[in-house]
Amino acid sequence: MTKDNLSSIELKDRTVYVSAVNVADLPEAVAKGISQGRVYSLNSSTGERLALVKDRSLAFVLARQNEFHPVPVH
């Protein structure tokens, strides 16, 4: 998903949840080409994955740049 796609998402709840995801747990087509073992996912309140990014800091920056309120998931 591109930054433009993320900003065009129409969600009433502007909260997104940031969580670590093991690349091994991703579908093969998504994991292909990712060299690190973990990425970070931004998810809507319904659990829909909105974006995957390479690190936690970037996940929070991306959320805020698109007027979402990021919340960490432990």
N, C-alpha and C. Protein backbone atom coordinates (compact mmCIF):
# COMPACT_ATOMS: atom_id res chain seq x y z
N MET A 1 0.84 -1.17 0.00
CA MET A 1 0.00 0.00 0.00
C MET A 1 0.89 1.23 0.00
N THR A 2 0.54 2.19 -0.80
CA THR A 2 1.33 3.41 -0.88
C THR A 2 0.81 4.45 0.10
N LYS A 3 1.62 5.46 0.32
CA LYS A 3 1.22 6.54 1.21
C LYS A 3 -0.07 7.20 0.71
N ASP A 4 -0.21 7.36 -0.60
CA ASP A 4 -1.43 7.96 -1.16
C ASP A 4 -2.65 7.12 -0.84
N ASN A 5 -2.51 5.80 -0.92
CA ASN A 5 -3.63 4.92 -0.60
C ASN A 5 -4.02 5.04 0.86
N LEU A 6 -3.02 5.11 1.73
CA LEU A 6 -3.30 5.20 3.16
C LEU A 6 -4.06 6.48 3.48
N SER A 7 -3.66 7.58 2.89
CA SER A 7 -4.32 8.85 3.20
C SER A 7 -5.73 8.93 2.63
N SER A 8 -6.05 8.10 1.64
CA SER A 8 -7.39 8.14 1.04
C SER A 8 -8.38 7.21 1.73
N ILE A 9 -7.93 6.44 2.70
CA ILE A 9 -8.81 5.52 3.41
C ILE A 9 -9.81 6.32 4.24
N GLU A 10 -11.06 5.99 4.09
CA GLU A 10 -12.14 6.67 4.81
C GLU A 10 -12.51 5.85 6.04
N LEU A 11 -11.96 6.21 7.17
CA LEU A 11 -12.28 5.53 8.42
C LEU A 11 -12.86 6.55 9.39
N LYS A 12 -13.95 6.19 10.03
CA LYS A 12 -14.53 7.07 11.04
C LYS A 12 -13.61 7.13 12.25
N ASP A 13 -13.07 5.99 12.63
CA ASP A 13 -12.14 5.90 13.76
C ASP A 13 -10.74 6.09 13.20
N ARG A 14 -10.09 7.19 13.54
CA ARG A 14 -8.77 7.51 13.00
C ARG A 14 -7.65 6.88 13.83
N THR A 15 -7.97 5.91 14.65
CA THR A 15 -6.96 5.19 15.42
C THR A 15 -6.44 4.03 14.60
N VAL A 16 -5.12 3.88 14.57
CA VAL A 16 -4.51 2.70 13.95
C VAL A 16 -3.62 2.03 14.99
N TYR A 17 -3.51 0.74 14.90
CA TYR A 17 -2.75 -0.04 15.85
C TYR A 17 -1.47 -0.52 15.19
N VAL A 18 -0.34 -0.26 15.85
CA VAL A 18 0.97 -0.60 15.33
C VAL A 18 1.47 -1.84 16.05
N SER A 19 1.78 -2.87 15.26
CA SER A 19 2.26 -4.11 15.87
C SER A 19 3.39 -4.71 15.05
N ALA A 20 4.27 -5.43 15.73
CA ALA A 20 5.36 -6.14 15.07
C ALA A 20 4.80 -7.41 14.43
N VAL A 21 5.32 -7.73 13.24
CA VAL A 21 4.89 -8.92 12.52
C VAL A 21 6.13 -9.66 12.04
N ASN A 22 6.21 -10.94 12.34
CA ASN A 22 7.30 -11.75 11.81
C ASN A 22 7.08 -11.96 10.32
N VAL A 23 8.11 -11.72 9.53
CA VAL A 23 7.99 -11.87 8.08
C VAL A 23 7.57 -13.29 7.73
N ALA A 24 8.01 -14.27 8.50
CA ALA A 24 7.65 -15.67 8.24
C ALA A 24 6.14 -15.91 8.34
N ASP A 25 5.43 -15.03 9.06
CA ASP A 25 3.98 -15.17 9.22
C ASP A 25 3.18 -14.50 8.11
N LEU A 26 3.85 -13.79 7.22
CA LEU A 26 3.18 -13.11 6.11
C LEU A 26 2.99 -14.06 4.94
N PRO A 27 2.00 -13.79 4.10
CA PRO A 27 1.86 -14.59 2.88
C PRO A 27 3.15 -14.52 2.06
N GLU A 28 3.47 -15.59 1.38
CA GLU A 28 4.73 -15.67 0.63
C GLU A 28 4.88 -14.51 -0.36
N ALA A 29 3.81 -14.15 -1.03
CA ALA A 29 3.87 -13.07 -2.01
C ALA A 29 4.23 -11.73 -1.36
N VAL A 30 3.81 -11.53 -0.13
CA VAL A 30 4.10 -10.29 0.59
C VAL A 30 5.52 -10.35 1.16
N ALA A 31 5.92 -11.49 1.69
CA ALA A 31 7.22 -11.65 2.33
C ALA A 31 8.38 -11.66 1.34
N LYS A 32 8.08 -11.98 0.10
CA LYS A 32 9.13 -12.07 -0.92
C LYS A 32 9.87 -10.73 -1.03
N GLY A 33 11.17 -10.79 -0.93
CA GLY A 33 11.98 -9.59 -1.07
C GLY A 33 12.24 -8.85 0.23
N ILE A 34 11.63 -9.26 1.32
CA ILE A 34 11.89 -8.61 2.61
C ILE A 34 13.02 -9.37 3.28
N SER A 35 14.13 -8.68 3.52
CA SER A 35 15.31 -9.36 4.05
C SER A 35 15.35 -9.42 5.58
N GLN A 36 14.65 -8.54 6.25
CA GLN A 36 14.67 -8.55 7.71
C GLN A 36 13.65 -9.54 8.25
N GLY A 37 13.78 -9.89 9.50
CA GLY A 37 12.91 -10.89 10.10
C GLY A 37 11.60 -10.36 10.63
N ARG A 38 11.52 -9.03 10.80
CA ARG A 38 10.31 -8.44 11.38
C ARG A 38 10.00 -7.11 10.70
N VAL A 39 8.72 -6.85 10.50
CA VAL A 39 8.24 -5.57 9.99
C VAL A 39 7.13 -5.09 10.92
N TYR A 40 6.61 -3.92 10.66
CA TYR A 40 5.55 -3.37 11.51
C TYR A 40 4.30 -3.11 10.68
N SER A 41 3.17 -3.47 11.25
CA SER A 41 1.89 -3.38 10.58
C SER A 41 1.06 -2.27 11.21
N LEU A 42 0.37 -1.51 10.37
CA LEU A 42 -0.63 -0.55 10.82
C LEU A 42 -1.98 -1.17 10.51
N ASN A 43 -2.81 -1.31 11.54
CA ASN A 43 -4.11 -1.97 11.39
C ASN A 43 -5.24 -1.07 11.87
N SER A 44 -6.38 -1.18 11.19
CA SER A 44 -7.57 -0.43 11.61
C SER A 44 -8.15 -1.08 12.86
N SER A 45 -9.16 -0.44 13.43
CA SER A 45 -9.80 -0.99 14.63
C SER A 45 -10.55 -2.29 14.33
N THR A 46 -10.83 -2.55 13.06
CA THR A 46 -11.48 -3.81 12.68
C THR A 46 -10.47 -4.91 12.37
N GLY A 47 -9.18 -4.58 12.46
CA GLY A 47 -8.13 -5.56 12.20
C GLY A 47 -7.61 -5.57 10.78
N GLU A 48 -8.15 -4.73 9.92
CA GLU A 48 -7.69 -4.67 8.53
C GLU A 48 -6.27 -4.12 8.49
N ARG A 49 -5.38 -4.82 7.81
CA ARG A 49 -4.00 -4.35 7.66
C ARG A 49 -3.99 -3.24 6.62
N LEU A 50 -3.53 -2.07 7.04
CA LEU A 50 -3.51 -0.91 6.16
C LEU A 50 -2.16 -0.71 5.50
N ALA A 51 -1.09 -1.07 6.21
CA ALA A 51 0.26 -0.87 5.67
C ALA A 51 1.25 -1.73 6.44
N LEU A 52 2.36 -2.04 5.77
CA LEU A 52 3.51 -2.69 6.39
C LEU A 52 4.71 -1.79 6.15
N VAL A 53 5.50 -1.57 7.19
CA VAL A 53 6.69 -0.73 7.07
C VAL A 53 7.86 -1.41 7.76
N LYS A 54 9.08 -0.92 7.47
CA LYS A 54 10.28 -1.60 7.93
C LYS A 54 10.62 -1.42 9.40
N ASP A 55 10.16 -0.33 10.02
CA ASP A 55 10.48 -0.17 11.44
C ASP A 55 9.37 0.57 12.19
N ARG A 56 9.43 0.46 13.50
CA ARG A 56 8.38 1.00 14.37
C ARG A 56 8.26 2.52 14.25
N SER A 57 9.39 3.20 14.22
CA SER A 57 9.37 4.66 14.10
C SER A 57 8.66 5.11 12.83
N LEU A 58 8.96 4.44 11.74
CA LEU A 58 8.33 4.77 10.46
C LEU A 58 6.83 4.54 10.51
N ALA A 59 6.40 3.51 11.21
CA ALA A 59 4.96 3.23 11.34
C ALA A 59 4.24 4.40 12.01
N PHE A 60 4.83 4.94 13.07
CA PHE A 60 4.22 6.06 13.78
C PHE A 60 4.24 7.33 12.93
N VAL A 61 5.34 7.57 12.23
CA VAL A 61 5.43 8.73 11.35
C VAL A 61 4.39 8.65 10.24
N LEU A 62 4.30 7.49 9.60
CA LEU A 62 3.34 7.30 8.51
C LEU A 62 1.91 7.53 8.98
N ALA A 63 1.59 7.00 10.14
CA ALA A 63 0.24 7.19 10.69
C ALA A 63 -0.06 8.67 10.91
N ARG A 64 0.85 9.36 11.57
CA ARG A 64 0.62 10.78 11.88
C ARG A 64 0.57 11.64 10.62
N GLN A 65 1.41 11.33 9.64
CA GLN A 65 1.40 12.10 8.39
C GLN A 65 0.07 11.96 7.66
N ASN A 66 -0.65 10.89 7.94
CA ASN A 66 -1.93 10.65 7.28
C ASN A 66 -3.11 10.88 8.21
N GLU A 67 -2.86 11.65 9.28
CA GLU A 67 -3.89 12.08 10.22
C GLU A 67 -4.57 10.93 10.96
N PHE A 68 -3.78 9.88 11.24
CA PHE A 68 -4.24 8.79 12.08
C PHE A 68 -3.60 8.94 13.46
N HIS A 69 -4.22 8.35 14.46
CA HIS A 69 -3.67 8.33 15.81
C HIS A 69 -3.10 6.93 16.06
N PRO A 70 -1.75 6.79 16.06
CA PRO A 70 -1.16 5.46 16.24
C PRO A 70 -1.12 5.04 17.70
N VAL A 71 -1.44 3.78 17.94
CA VAL A 71 -1.41 3.19 19.27
C VAL A 71 -0.57 1.91 19.19
N PRO A 72 0.41 1.76 20.08
CA PRO A 72 1.23 0.54 20.04
C PRO A 72 0.47 -0.67 20.58
N VAL A 73 0.72 -1.81 19.98
CA VAL A 73 0.17 -3.08 20.45
C VAL A 73 1.36 -3.90 20.92
N HIS A 74 1.30 -4.39 22.13
CA HIS A 74 2.45 -5.14 22.68
C HIS A 74 2.27 -6.61 22.46
